[in-house]
Amino acid sequence: MAISIYGYPGCTTVKKAREWAEASGLDPHYEHFAKLPDLKAHLGDWVKIAGLDAVFNEKAQTFRKMAPEEQAAITASEASRIEAMAADPRLIKRPVGTDGAKVLTGFKPAEWEAAFL
């Protein structure tokens, strides 16, 4: 089975997920969030499968540093959150791992093993 992993190359959690996938024989395909030409479409798919709370990272420094009015505008609707994540991928929980049917965010080896092995 092959999986796709999305994130930032410098993120240690993304590195751990990629290393785990390789060691598990999953033949991971890696993509950098910012280099995806269709990030917004991916986000829509991930949100449909995993849910908005699983994909949008309210704990991100980027989000926490925003003014309360800006946070309120972003969190007003699913569409506004997706737009915000597409405009600033630092608002996406990372890594995102998917086999096309399942989507997981963050890296917890036991969860990834149950989902992808």
PDB file of N, CA and C in Angstrom:
ATOM      1  N   MET A   1       0.853  -1.182   0.000  1.00  0.00           N
ATOM      2  CA  MET A   1       0.000   0.000   0.000  1.00  0.00           C
ATOM      3  C   MET A   1       0.891   1.235   0.000  1.00  0.00           C
ATOM      4  N   ALA A   2       0.437   2.241  -0.684  1.00  0.00           N
ATOM      5  CA  ALA A   2       1.157   3.520  -0.706  1.00  0.00           C
ATOM      6  C   ALA A   2       0.307   4.569  -0.003  1.00  0.00           C
ATOM      7  N   ILE A   3       0.988   5.480   0.659  1.00  0.00           N
ATOM      8  CA  ILE A   3       0.281   6.603   1.274  1.00  0.00           C
ATOM      9  C   ILE A   3       0.944   7.892   0.843  1.00  0.00           C
ATOM     10  N   SER A   4       0.203   8.965   0.966  1.00  0.00           N
ATOM     11  CA  SER A   4       0.740  10.296   0.712  1.00  0.00           C
ATOM     12  C   SER A   4       0.838  11.017   2.043  1.00  0.00           C
ATOM     13  N   ILE A   5       1.945  11.724   2.216  1.00  0.00           N
ATOM     14  CA  ILE A   5       2.172  12.503   3.424  1.00  0.00           C
ATOM     15  C   ILE A   5       2.409  13.940   2.991  1.00  0.00           C
ATOM     16  N   TYR A   6       1.723  14.857   3.652  1.00  0.00           N
ATOM     17  CA  TYR A   6       1.811  16.271   3.332  1.00  0.00           C
ATOM     18  C   TYR A   6       2.297  17.031   4.562  1.00  0.00           C
ATOM     19  N   GLY A   7       3.115  18.050   4.336  1.00  0.00           N
ATOM     20  CA  GLY A   7       3.596  18.850   5.453  1.00  0.00           C
ATOM     21  C   GLY A   7       4.717  19.766   5.029  1.00  0.00           C
ATOM     22  N   TYR A   8       5.591  20.049   5.975  1.00  0.00           N
ATOM     23  CA  TYR A   8       6.781  20.868   5.744  1.00  0.00           C
ATOM     24  C   TYR A   8       8.001  20.002   5.978  1.00  0.00           C
ATOM     25  N   PRO A   9       9.000  20.074   5.111  1.00  0.00           N
ATOM     26  CA  PRO A   9      10.168  19.203   5.258  1.00  0.00           C
ATOM     27  C   PRO A   9      10.950  19.430   6.552  1.00  0.00           C
ATOM     28  N   GLY A  10      10.921  20.618   7.114  1.00  0.00           N
ATOM     29  CA  GLY A  10      11.671  20.909   8.327  1.00  0.00           C
ATOM     30  C   GLY A  10      10.969  20.506   9.610  1.00  0.00           C
ATOM     31  N   CYS A  11       9.723  20.098   9.523  1.00  0.00           N
ATOM     32  CA  CYS A  11       8.938  19.726  10.703  1.00  0.00           C
ATOM     33  C   CYS A  11       9.384  18.340  11.198  1.00  0.00           C
ATOM     34  N   THR A  12       9.756  18.257  12.456  1.00  0.00           N
ATOM     35  CA  THR A  12      10.221  16.974  12.993  1.00  0.00           C
ATOM     36  C   THR A  12       9.115  15.923  13.018  1.00  0.00           C
ATOM     37  N   THR A  13       7.880  16.332  13.227  1.00  0.00           N
ATOM     38  CA  THR A  13       6.777  15.371  13.239  1.00  0.00           C
ATOM     39  C   THR A  13       6.540  14.817  11.840  1.00  0.00           C
ATOM     40  N   VAL A  14       6.679  15.653  10.832  1.00  0.00           N
ATOM     41  CA  VAL A  14       6.554  15.193   9.450  1.00  0.00           C
ATOM     42  C   VAL A  14       7.679  14.210   9.145  1.00  0.00           C
ATOM     43  N   LYS A  15       8.884  14.519   9.580  1.00  0.00           N
ATOM     44  CA  LYS A  15      10.019  13.616   9.363  1.00  0.00           C
ATOM     45  C   LYS A  15       9.771  12.265  10.016  1.00  0.00           C
ATOM     46  N   LYS A  16       9.250  12.266  11.240  1.00  0.00           N
ATOM     47  CA  LYS A  16       8.950  11.014  11.941  1.00  0.00           C
ATOM     48  C   LYS A  16       7.920  10.197  11.170  1.00  0.00           C
ATOM     49  N   ALA A  17       6.889  10.860  10.665  1.00  0.00           N
ATOM     50  CA  ALA A  17       5.852  10.158   9.902  1.00  0.00           C
ATOM     51  C   ALA A  17       6.427   9.553   8.631  1.00  0.00           C
ATOM     52  N   ARG A  18       7.268  10.311   7.953  1.00  0.00           N
ATOM     53  CA  ARG A  18       7.879   9.802   6.716  1.00  0.00           C
ATOM     54  C   ARG A  18       8.789   8.617   7.008  1.00  0.00           C
ATOM     55  N   GLU A  19       9.580   8.730   8.065  1.00  0.00           N
ATOM     56  CA  GLU A  19      10.477   7.622   8.437  1.00  0.00           C
ATOM     57  C   GLU A  19       9.679   6.383   8.820  1.00  0.00           C
ATOM     58  N   TRP A  20       8.598   6.577   9.589  1.00  0.00           N
ATOM     59  CA  TRP A  20       7.754   5.455   9.989  1.00  0.00           C
ATOM     60  C   TRP A  20       7.155   4.778   8.751  1.00  0.00           C
ATOM     61  N   ALA A  21       6.639   5.584   7.824  1.00  0.00           N
ATOM     62  CA  ALA A  21       6.010   5.024   6.620  1.00  0.00           C
ATOM     63  C   ALA A  21       7.018   4.235   5.789  1.00  0.00           C
ATOM     64  N   GLU A  22       8.213   4.764   5.651  1.00  0.00           N
ATOM     65  CA  GLU A  22       9.256   4.055   4.900  1.00  0.00           C
ATOM     66  C   GLU A  22       9.624   2.747   5.585  1.00  0.00           C
ATOM     67  N   ALA A  23       9.829   2.798   6.903  1.00  0.00           N
ATOM     68  CA  ALA A  23      10.188   1.594   7.657  1.00  0.00           C
ATOM     69  C   ALA A  23       9.069   0.560   7.632  1.00  0.00           C
ATOM     70  N   SER A  24       7.837   1.008   7.473  1.00  0.00           N
ATOM     71  CA  SER A  24       6.680   0.112   7.447  1.00  0.00           C
ATOM     72  C   SER A  24       6.384  -0.418   6.051  1.00  0.00           C
ATOM     73  N   GLY A  25       7.178  -0.030   5.075  1.00  0.00           N
ATOM     74  CA  GLY A  25       7.001  -0.515   3.706  1.00  0.00           C
ATOM     75  C   GLY A  25       5.818   0.095   2.980  1.00  0.00           C
ATOM     76  N   LEU A  26       5.434   1.318   3.352  1.00  0.00           N
ATOM     77  CA  LEU A  26       4.259   1.943   2.756  1.00  0.00           C
ATOM     78  C   LEU A  26       4.556   2.770   1.513  1.00  0.00           C
ATOM     79  N   ASP A  27       5.799   2.860   1.113  1.00  0.00           N
ATOM     80  CA  ASP A  27       6.169   3.614  -0.084  1.00  0.00           C
ATOM     81  C   ASP A  27       5.536   5.011  -0.074  1.00  0.00           C
ATOM     82  N   PRO A  28       5.888   5.831   0.930  1.00  0.00           N
ATOM     83  CA  PRO A  28       5.222   7.140   1.055  1.00  0.00           C
ATOM     84  C   PRO A  28       5.594   8.117  -0.048  1.00  0.00           C
ATOM     85  N   HIS A  29       4.593   8.830  -0.493  1.00  0.00           N
ATOM     86  CA  HIS A  29       4.784   9.928  -1.440  1.00  0.00           C
ATOM     87  C   HIS A  29       4.669  11.204  -0.619  1.00  0.00           C
ATOM     88  N   TYR A  30       5.680  12.061  -0.671  1.00  0.00           N
ATOM     89  CA  TYR A  30       5.678  13.272   0.149  1.00  0.00           C
ATOM     90  C   TYR A  30       5.425  14.497  -0.709  1.00  0.00           C
ATOM     91  N   GLU A  31       4.603  15.404  -0.183  1.00  0.00           N
ATOM     92  CA  GLU A  31       4.335  16.688  -0.843  1.00  0.00           C
ATOM     93  C   GLU A  31       4.420  17.807   0.188  1.00  0.00           C
ATOM     94  N   HIS A  32       5.030  18.897  -0.203  1.00  0.00           N
ATOM     95  CA  HIS A  32       5.116  20.106   0.618  1.00  0.00           C
ATOM     96  C   HIS A  32       3.807  20.874   0.435  1.00  0.00           C
ATOM     97  N   PHE A  33       3.158  21.243   1.556  1.00  0.00           N
ATOM     98  CA  PHE A  33       1.884  21.969   1.473  1.00  0.00           C
ATOM     99  C   PHE A  33       1.937  23.126   0.483  1.00  0.00           C
ATOM    100  N   ALA A  34       2.954  23.963   0.628  1.00  0.00           N
ATOM    101  CA  ALA A  34       3.028  25.199  -0.141  1.00  0.00           C
ATOM    102  C   ALA A  34       3.254  24.960  -1.629  1.00  0.00           C
ATOM    103  N   LYS A  35       3.652  23.758  -2.001  1.00  0.00           N
ATOM    104  CA  LYS A  35       3.937  23.480  -3.409  1.00  0.00           C
ATOM    105  C   LYS A  35       2.796  22.751  -4.115  1.00  0.00           C
ATOM    106  N   LEU A  36       1.709  22.512  -3.401  1.00  0.00           N
ATOM    107  CA  LEU A  36       0.551  21.861  -4.019  1.00  0.00           C
ATOM    108  C   LEU A  36      -0.262  22.893  -4.790  1.00  0.00           C
ATOM    109  N   PRO A  37      -0.385  22.748  -6.101  1.00  0.00           N
ATOM    110  CA  PRO A  37      -1.153  23.736  -6.863  1.00  0.00           C
ATOM    111  C   PRO A  37      -2.646  23.678  -6.559  1.00  0.00           C
ATOM    112  N   ASP A  38      -3.121  22.548  -6.071  1.00  0.00           N
ATOM    113  CA  ASP A  38      -4.541  22.371  -5.790  1.00  0.00           C
ATOM    114  C   ASP A  38      -4.774  22.134  -4.298  1.00  0.00           C
ATOM    115  N   LEU A  39      -4.057  22.876  -3.453  1.00  0.00           N
ATOM    116  CA  LEU A  39      -4.162  22.691  -2.004  1.00  0.00           C
ATOM    117  C   LEU A  39      -5.599  22.842  -1.513  1.00  0.00           C
ATOM    118  N   LYS A  40      -6.309  23.811  -2.027  1.00  0.00           N
ATOM    119  CA  LYS A  40      -7.686  24.049  -1.577  1.00  0.00           C
ATOM    120  C   LYS A  40      -8.566  22.820  -1.849  1.00  0.00           C
ATOM    121  N   ALA A  41      -8.401  22.186  -2.994  1.00  0.00           N
ATOM    122  CA  ALA A  41      -9.168  20.977  -3.303  1.00  0.00           C
ATOM    123  C   ALA A  41      -8.794  19.841  -2.355  1.00  0.00           C
ATOM    124  N   HIS A  42      -7.495  19.690  -2.087  1.00  0.00           N
ATOM    125  CA  HIS A  42      -7.043  18.680  -1.128  1.00  0.00           C
ATOM    126  C   HIS A  42      -7.669  18.940   0.245  1.00  0.00           C
ATOM    127  N   LEU A  43      -7.632  20.194   0.672  1.00  0.00           N
ATOM    128  CA  LEU A  43      -8.207  20.549   1.971  1.00  0.00           C
ATOM    129  C   LEU A  43      -9.681  20.167   2.047  1.00  0.00           C
ATOM    130  N   GLY A  44     -10.418  20.463   1.000  1.00  0.00           N
ATOM    131  CA  GLY A  44     -11.833  20.107   0.971  1.00  0.00           C
ATOM    132  C   GLY A  44     -12.035  18.604   1.120  1.00  0.00           C
ATOM    133  N   ASP A  45     -11.206  17.824   0.434  1.00  0.00           N
ATOM    134  CA  ASP A  45     -11.294  16.364   0.533  1.00  0.00           C
ATOM    135  C   ASP A  45     -10.938  15.892   1.944  1.00  0.00           C
ATOM    136  N   TRP A  46      -9.848  16.435   2.492  1.00  0.00           N
ATOM    137  CA  TRP A  46      -9.416  16.020   3.829  1.00  0.00           C
ATOM    138  C   TRP A  46     -10.479  16.347   4.870  1.00  0.00           C
ATOM    139  N   VAL A  47     -11.079  17.524   4.748  1.00  0.00           N
ATOM    140  CA  VAL A  47     -12.111  17.935   5.705  1.00  0.00           C
ATOM    141  C   VAL A  47     -13.331  17.017   5.591  1.00  0.00           C
ATOM    142  N   LYS A  48     -13.714  16.647   4.365  1.00  0.00           N
ATOM    143  CA  LYS A  48     -14.854  15.736   4.179  1.00  0.00           C
ATOM    144  C   LYS A  48     -14.602  14.393   4.853  1.00  0.00           C
ATOM    145  N   ILE A  49     -13.376  13.899   4.771  1.00  0.00           N
ATOM    146  CA  ILE A  49     -13.057  12.573   5.313  1.00  0.00           C
ATOM    147  C   ILE A  49     -12.761  12.625   6.813  1.00  0.00           C
ATOM    148  N   ALA A  50     -11.907  13.549   7.221  1.00  0.00           N
ATOM    149  CA  ALA A  50     -11.419  13.569   8.610  1.00  0.00           C
ATOM    150  C   ALA A  50     -12.171  14.533   9.513  1.00  0.00           C
ATOM    151  N   GLY A  51     -12.809  15.526   8.925  1.00  0.00           N
ATOM    152  CA  GLY A  51     -13.497  16.544   9.715  1.00  0.00           C
ATOM    153  C   GLY A  51     -12.656  17.802   9.844  1.00  0.00           C
ATOM    154  N   LEU A  52     -13.331  18.916   9.975  1.00  0.00           N
ATOM    155  CA  LEU A  52     -12.662  20.218  10.037  1.00  0.00           C
ATOM    156  C   LEU A  52     -11.728  20.336  11.233  1.00  0.00           C
ATOM    157  N   ASP A  53     -12.167  19.852  12.389  1.00  0.00           N
ATOM    158  CA  ASP A  53     -11.341  19.961  13.589  1.00  0.00           C
ATOM    159  C   ASP A  53     -10.050  19.156  13.488  1.00  0.00           C
ATOM    160  N   ALA A  54     -10.062  18.096  12.703  1.00  0.00           N
ATOM    161  CA  ALA A  54      -8.853  17.291  12.529  1.00  0.00           C
ATOM    162  C   ALA A  54      -7.839  17.983  11.624  1.00  0.00           C
ATOM    163  N   VAL A  55      -8.304  18.838  10.733  1.00  0.00           N
ATOM    164  CA  VAL A  55      -7.413  19.453   9.747  1.00  0.00           C
ATOM    165  C   VAL A  55      -6.982  20.867  10.144  1.00  0.00           C
ATOM    166  N   PHE A  56      -7.887  21.658  10.687  1.00  0.00           N
ATOM    167  CA  PHE A  56      -7.564  23.038  11.049  1.00  0.00           C
ATOM    168  C   PHE A  56      -6.856  23.063  12.394  1.00  0.00           C
ATOM    169  N   ASN A  57      -5.726  23.748  12.450  1.00  0.00           N
ATOM    170  CA  ASN A  57      -4.895  23.773  13.656  1.00  0.00           C
ATOM    171  C   ASN A  57      -5.068  25.081  14.420  1.00  0.00           C
ATOM    172  N   GLU A  58      -5.996  25.073  15.369  1.00  0.00           N
ATOM    173  CA  GLU A  58      -6.212  26.268  16.197  1.00  0.00           C
ATOM    174  C   GLU A  58      -5.067  26.505  17.173  1.00  0.00           C
ATOM    175  N   LYS A  59      -4.200  25.522  17.364  1.00  0.00           N
ATOM    176  CA  LYS A  59      -3.063  25.666  18.272  1.00  0.00           C
ATOM    177  C   LYS A  59      -1.832  26.225  17.562  1.00  0.00           C
ATOM    178  N   ALA A  60      -1.930  26.413  16.257  1.00  0.00           N
ATOM    179  CA  ALA A  60      -0.798  26.941  15.491  1.00  0.00           C
ATOM    180  C   ALA A  60      -0.433  28.339  15.982  1.00  0.00           C
ATOM    181  N   GLN A  61       0.856  28.601  16.086  1.00  0.00           N
ATOM    182  CA  GLN A  61       1.314  29.936  16.491  1.00  0.00           C
ATOM    183  C   GLN A  61       0.729  31.005  15.590  1.00  0.00           C
ATOM    184  N   THR A  62       0.657  30.706  14.319  1.00  0.00           N
ATOM    185  CA  THR A  62       0.111  31.655  13.349  1.00  0.00           C
ATOM    186  C   THR A  62      -1.300  32.071  13.748  1.00  0.00           C
ATOM    187  N   PHE A  63      -2.120  31.116  14.138  1.00  0.00           N
ATOM    188  CA  PHE A  63      -3.498  31.410  14.523  1.00  0.00           C
ATOM    189  C   PHE A  63      -3.556  32.138  15.863  1.00  0.00           C
ATOM    190  N   ARG A  64      -2.776  31.659  16.825  1.00  0.00           N
ATOM    191  CA  ARG A  64      -2.810  32.257  18.166  1.00  0.00           C
ATOM    192  C   ARG A  64      -2.333  33.704  18.170  1.00  0.00           C
ATOM    193  N   LYS A  65      -1.469  34.068  17.231  1.00  0.00           N
ATOM    194  CA  LYS A  65      -0.947  35.440  17.178  1.00  0.00           C
ATOM    195  C   LYS A  65      -1.894  36.411  16.476  1.00  0.00           C
ATOM    196  N   MET A  66      -2.944  35.879  15.872  1.00  0.00           N
ATOM    197  CA  MET A  66      -3.901  36.737  15.176  1.00  0.00           C
ATOM    198  C   MET A  66      -4.750  37.511  16.172  1.00  0.00           C
ATOM    199  N   ALA A  67      -5.241  38.638  15.737  1.00  0.00           N
ATOM    200  CA  ALA A  67      -6.185  39.419  16.543  1.00  0.00           C
ATOM    201  C   ALA A  67      -7.473  38.615  16.684  1.00  0.00           C
ATOM    202  N   PRO A  68      -8.166  38.781  17.799  1.00  0.00           N
ATOM    203  CA  PRO A  68      -9.419  38.037  18.009  1.00  0.00           C
ATOM    204  C   PRO A  68     -10.431  38.209  16.873  1.00  0.00           C
ATOM    205  N   GLU A  69     -10.477  39.412  16.291  1.00  0.00           N
ATOM    206  CA  GLU A  69     -11.417  39.643  15.181  1.00  0.00           C
ATOM    207  C   GLU A  69     -11.052  38.788  13.973  1.00  0.00           C
ATOM    208  N   GLU A  70      -9.755  38.670  13.708  1.00  0.00           N
ATOM    209  CA  GLU A  70      -9.295  37.871  12.570  1.00  0.00           C
ATOM    210  C   GLU A  70      -9.577  36.385  12.833  1.00  0.00           C
ATOM    211  N   GLN A  71      -9.326  35.935  14.059  1.00  0.00           N
ATOM    212  CA  GLN A  71      -9.635  34.555  14.419  1.00  0.00           C
ATOM    213  C   GLN A  71     -11.125  34.273  14.244  1.00  0.00           C
ATOM    214  N   ALA A  72     -11.953  35.198  14.687  1.00  0.00           N
ATOM    215  CA  ALA A  72     -13.402  35.033  14.572  1.00  0.00           C
ATOM    216  C   ALA A  72     -13.834  34.960  13.109  1.00  0.00           C
ATOM    217  N   ALA A  73     -13.236  35.786  12.269  1.00  0.00           N
ATOM    218  CA  ALA A  73     -13.585  35.774  10.847  1.00  0.00           C
ATOM    219  C   ALA A  73     -13.200  34.441  10.208  1.00  0.00           C
ATOM    220  N   ILE A  74     -12.040  33.921  10.579  1.00  0.00           N
ATOM    221  CA  ILE A  74     -11.577  32.654  10.006  1.00  0.00           C
ATOM    222  C   ILE A  74     -12.453  31.497  10.478  1.00  0.00           C
ATOM    223  N   THR A  75     -12.805  31.485  11.741  1.00  0.00           N
ATOM    224  CA  THR A  75     -13.552  30.357  12.296  1.00  0.00           C
ATOM    225  C   THR A  75     -15.065  30.478  12.108  1.00  0.00           C
ATOM    226  N   ALA A  76     -15.498  31.487  11.386  1.00  0.00           N
ATOM    227  CA  ALA A  76     -16.934  31.716  11.186  1.00  0.00           C
ATOM    228  C   ALA A  76     -17.616  30.604  10.398  1.00  0.00           C
ATOM    229  N   SER A  77     -16.887  29.965   9.500  1.00  0.00           N
ATOM    230  CA  SER A  77     -17.496  28.910   8.690  1.00  0.00           C
ATOM    231  C   SER A  77     -16.432  27.934   8.208  1.00  0.00           C
ATOM    232  N   GLU A  78     -16.884  26.780   7.744  1.00  0.00           N
ATOM    233  CA  GLU A  78     -15.973  25.792   7.174  1.00  0.00           C
ATOM    234  C   GLU A  78     -15.248  26.383   5.968  1.00  0.00           C
ATOM    235  N   ALA A  79     -15.989  27.085   5.128  1.00  0.00           N
ATOM    236  CA  ALA A  79     -15.398  27.668   3.927  1.00  0.00           C
ATOM    237  C   ALA A  79     -14.302  28.681   4.277  1.00  0.00           C
ATOM    238  N   SER A  80     -14.535  29.493   5.297  1.00  0.00           N
ATOM    239  CA  SER A  80     -13.519  30.489   5.660  1.00  0.00           C
ATOM    240  C   SER A  80     -12.277  29.822   6.242  1.00  0.00           C
ATOM    241  N   ARG A  81     -12.454  28.727   6.954  1.00  0.00           N
ATOM    242  CA  ARG A  81     -11.288  28.002   7.474  1.00  0.00           C
ATOM    243  C   ARG A  81     -10.492  27.374   6.338  1.00  0.00           C
ATOM    244  N   ILE A  82     -11.195  26.791   5.382  1.00  0.00           N
ATOM    245  CA  ILE A  82     -10.508  26.188   4.234  1.00  0.00           C
ATOM    246  C   ILE A  82      -9.760  27.260   3.453  1.00  0.00           C
ATOM    247  N   GLU A  83     -10.394  28.404   3.236  1.00  0.00           N
ATOM    248  CA  GLU A  83      -9.723  29.522   2.548  1.00  0.00           C
ATOM    249  C   GLU A  83      -8.476  29.955   3.312  1.00  0.00           C
ATOM    250  N   ALA A  84      -8.582  30.061   4.630  1.00  0.00           N
ATOM    251  CA  ALA A  84      -7.453  30.491   5.455  1.00  0.00           C
ATOM    252  C   ALA A  84      -6.314  29.478   5.390  1.00  0.00           C
ATOM    253  N   MET A  85      -6.638  28.186   5.441  1.00  0.00           N
ATOM    254  CA  MET A  85      -5.594  27.150   5.360  1.00  0.00           C
ATOM    255  C   MET A  85      -4.934  27.135   3.995  1.00  0.00           C
ATOM    256  N   ALA A  86      -5.722  27.362   2.946  1.00  0.00           N
ATOM    257  CA  ALA A  86      -5.152  27.400   1.600  1.00  0.00           C
ATOM    258  C   ALA A  86      -4.230  28.604   1.442  1.00  0.00           C
ATOM    259  N   ALA A  87      -4.605  29.721   2.061  1.00  0.00           N
ATOM    260  CA  ALA A  87      -3.782  30.932   1.974  1.00  0.00           C
ATOM    261  C   ALA A  87      -2.542  30.843   2.858  1.00  0.00           C
ATOM    262  N   ASP A  88      -2.658  30.151   3.985  1.00  0.00           N
ATOM    263  CA  ASP A  88      -1.533  30.019   4.915  1.00  0.00           C
ATOM    264  C   ASP A  88      -1.499  28.595   5.456  1.00  0.00           C
ATOM    265  N   PRO A  89      -0.761  27.697   4.790  1.00  0.00           N
ATOM    266  CA  PRO A  89      -0.725  26.292   5.187  1.00  0.00           C
ATOM    267  C   PRO A  89      -0.217  26.034   6.603  1.00  0.00           C
ATOM    268  N   ARG A  90       0.335  27.047   7.265  1.00  0.00           N
ATOM    269  CA  ARG A  90       0.759  26.853   8.653  1.00  0.00           C
ATOM    270  C   ARG A  90      -0.444  26.626   9.563  1.00  0.00           C
ATOM    271  N   LEU A  91      -1.654  26.855   9.049  1.00  0.00           N
ATOM    272  CA  LEU A  91      -2.874  26.623   9.817  1.00  0.00           C
ATOM    273  C   LEU A  91      -3.382  25.181   9.709  1.00  0.00           C
ATOM    274  N   ILE A  92      -2.677  24.352   8.944  1.00  0.00           N
ATOM    275  CA  ILE A  92      -3.055  22.948   8.768  1.00  0.00           C
ATOM    276  C   ILE A  92      -2.300  22.105   9.795  1.00  0.00           C
ATOM    277  N   LYS A  93      -3.013  21.199  10.458  1.00  0.00           N
ATOM    278  CA  LYS A  93      -2.329  20.262  11.355  1.00  0.00           C
ATOM    279  C   LYS A  93      -1.433  19.386  10.498  1.00  0.00           C
ATOM    280  N   ARG A  94      -0.249  19.142  11.002  1.00  0.00           N
ATOM    281  CA  ARG A  94       0.679  18.347  10.210  1.00  0.00           C
ATOM    282  C   ARG A  94       1.330  17.257  11.043  1.00  0.00           C
ATOM    283  N   PRO A  95       1.721  16.237  10.333  1.00  0.00           N
ATOM    284  CA  PRO A  95       1.529  15.971   8.915  1.00  0.00           C
ATOM    285  C   PRO A  95       0.101  15.515   8.628  1.00  0.00           C
ATOM    286  N   VAL A  96      -0.223  15.524   7.356  1.00  0.00           N
ATOM    287  CA  VAL A  96      -1.462  14.912   6.890  1.00  0.00           C
ATOM    288  C   VAL A  96      -1.037  13.634   6.179  1.00  0.00           C
ATOM    289  N   GLY A  97      -1.637  12.528   6.565  1.00  0.00           N
ATOM    290  CA  GLY A  97      -1.360  11.252   5.909  1.00  0.00           C
ATOM    291  C   GLY A  97      -2.651  10.703   5.344  1.00  0.00           C
ATOM    292  N   THR A  98      -2.589  10.203   4.114  1.00  0.00           N
ATOM    293  CA  THR A  98      -3.797   9.663   3.494  1.00  0.00           C
ATOM    294  C   THR A  98      -3.469   8.537   2.524  1.00  0.00           C
ATOM    295  N   ASP A  99      -4.399   7.596   2.453  1.00  0.00           N
ATOM    296  CA  ASP A  99      -4.316   6.544   1.442  1.00  0.00           C
ATOM    297  C   ASP A  99      -5.431   6.746   0.411  1.00  0.00           C
ATOM    298  N   GLY A 100      -6.105   7.878   0.497  1.00  0.00           N
ATOM    299  CA  GLY A 100      -7.204   8.187  -0.409  1.00  0.00           C
ATOM    300  C   GLY A 100      -8.562   7.941   0.234  1.00  0.00           C
ATOM    301  N   ALA A 101      -8.631   6.959   1.124  1.00  0.00           N
ATOM    302  CA  ALA A 101      -9.890   6.651   1.801  1.00  0.00           C
ATOM    303  C   ALA A 101      -9.893   7.164   3.234  1.00  0.00           C
ATOM    304  N   LYS A 102      -8.725   7.167   3.855  1.00  0.00           N
ATOM    305  CA  LYS A 102      -8.581   7.623   5.232  1.00  0.00           C
ATOM    306  C   LYS A 102      -7.628   8.810   5.262  1.00  0.00           C
ATOM    307  N   VAL A 103      -7.867   9.723   6.204  1.00  0.00           N
ATOM    308  CA  VAL A 103      -7.006  10.885   6.390  1.00  0.00           C
ATOM    309  C   VAL A 103      -6.717  11.020   7.877  1.00  0.00           C
ATOM    310  N   LEU A 104      -5.436  11.086   8.221  1.00  0.00           N
ATOM    311  CA  LEU A 104      -5.030  11.328   9.600  1.00  0.00           C
ATOM    312  C   LEU A 104      -4.160  12.572   9.644  1.00  0.00           C
ATOM    313  N   THR A 105      -4.267  13.326  10.729  1.00  0.00           N
ATOM    314  CA  THR A 105      -3.411  14.493  10.917  1.00  0.00           C
ATOM    315  C   THR A 105      -2.664  14.321  12.224  1.00  0.00           C
ATOM    316  N   GLY A 106      -1.506  14.956  12.312  1.00  0.00           N
ATOM    317  CA  GLY A 106      -0.646  14.727  13.455  1.00  0.00           C
ATOM    318  C   GLY A 106      -0.063  13.337  13.283  1.00  0.00           C
ATOM    319  N   PHE A 107       0.965  13.015  14.032  1.00  0.00           N
ATOM    320  CA  PHE A 107       1.538  11.680  13.886  1.00  0.00           C
ATOM    321  C   PHE A 107       1.554  10.953  15.218  1.00  0.00           C
ATOM    322  N   LYS A 108       0.713   9.953  15.296  1.00  0.00           N
ATOM    323  CA  LYS A 108       0.688   9.034  16.431  1.00  0.00           C
ATOM    324  C   LYS A 108       0.857   7.650  15.826  1.00  0.00           C
ATOM    325  N   PRO A 109       2.035   7.035  16.020  1.00  0.00           N
ATOM    326  CA  PRO A 109       2.325   5.765  15.348  1.00  0.00           C
ATOM    327  C   PRO A 109       1.228   4.712  15.468  1.00  0.00           C
ATOM    328  N   ALA A 110       0.641   4.546  16.637  1.00  0.00           N
ATOM    329  CA  ALA A 110      -0.396   3.529  16.805  1.00  0.00           C
ATOM    330  C   ALA A 110      -1.613   3.808  15.916  1.00  0.00           C
ATOM    331  N   GLU A 111      -2.002   5.074  15.809  1.00  0.00           N
ATOM    332  CA  GLU A 111      -3.149   5.443  14.950  1.00  0.00           C
ATOM    333  C   GLU A 111      -2.823   5.218  13.488  1.00  0.00           C
ATOM    334  N   TRP A 112      -1.622   5.598  13.090  1.00  0.00           N
ATOM    335  CA  TRP A 112      -1.228   5.423  11.696  1.00  0.00           C
ATOM    336  C   TRP A 112      -1.117   3.936  11.353  1.00  0.00           C
ATOM    337  N   GLU A 113      -0.602   3.143  12.282  1.00  0.00           N
ATOM    338  CA  GLU A 113      -0.495   1.704  12.057  1.00  0.00           C
ATOM    339  C   GLU A 113      -1.872   1.093  11.883  1.00  0.00           C
ATOM    340  N   ALA A 114      -2.821   1.459  12.742  1.00  0.00           N
ATOM    341  CA  ALA A 114      -4.172   0.934  12.645  1.00  0.00           C
ATOM    342  C   ALA A 114      -4.846   1.355  11.334  1.00  0.00           C
ATOM    343  N   ALA A 115      -4.580   2.557  10.878  1.00  0.00           N
ATOM    344  CA  ALA A 115      -5.225   3.071   9.667  1.00  0.00           C
ATOM    345  C   ALA A 115      -4.580   2.575   8.375  1.00  0.00           C
ATOM    346  N   PHE A 116      -3.259   2.470   8.359  1.00  0.00           N
ATOM    347  CA  PHE A 116      -2.572   2.257   7.093  1.00  0.00           C
ATOM    348  C   PHE A 116      -1.882   0.899   6.927  1.00  0.00           C
ATOM    349  N   LEU A 117      -1.818   0.113   7.988  1.00  0.00           N
ATOM    350  CA  LEU A 117      -1.169  -1.206   7.850  1.00  0.00           C
ATOM    351  C   LEU A 117      -2.181  -2.329   7.850  1.00  0.00           C
TER     352      LEU A 117
END
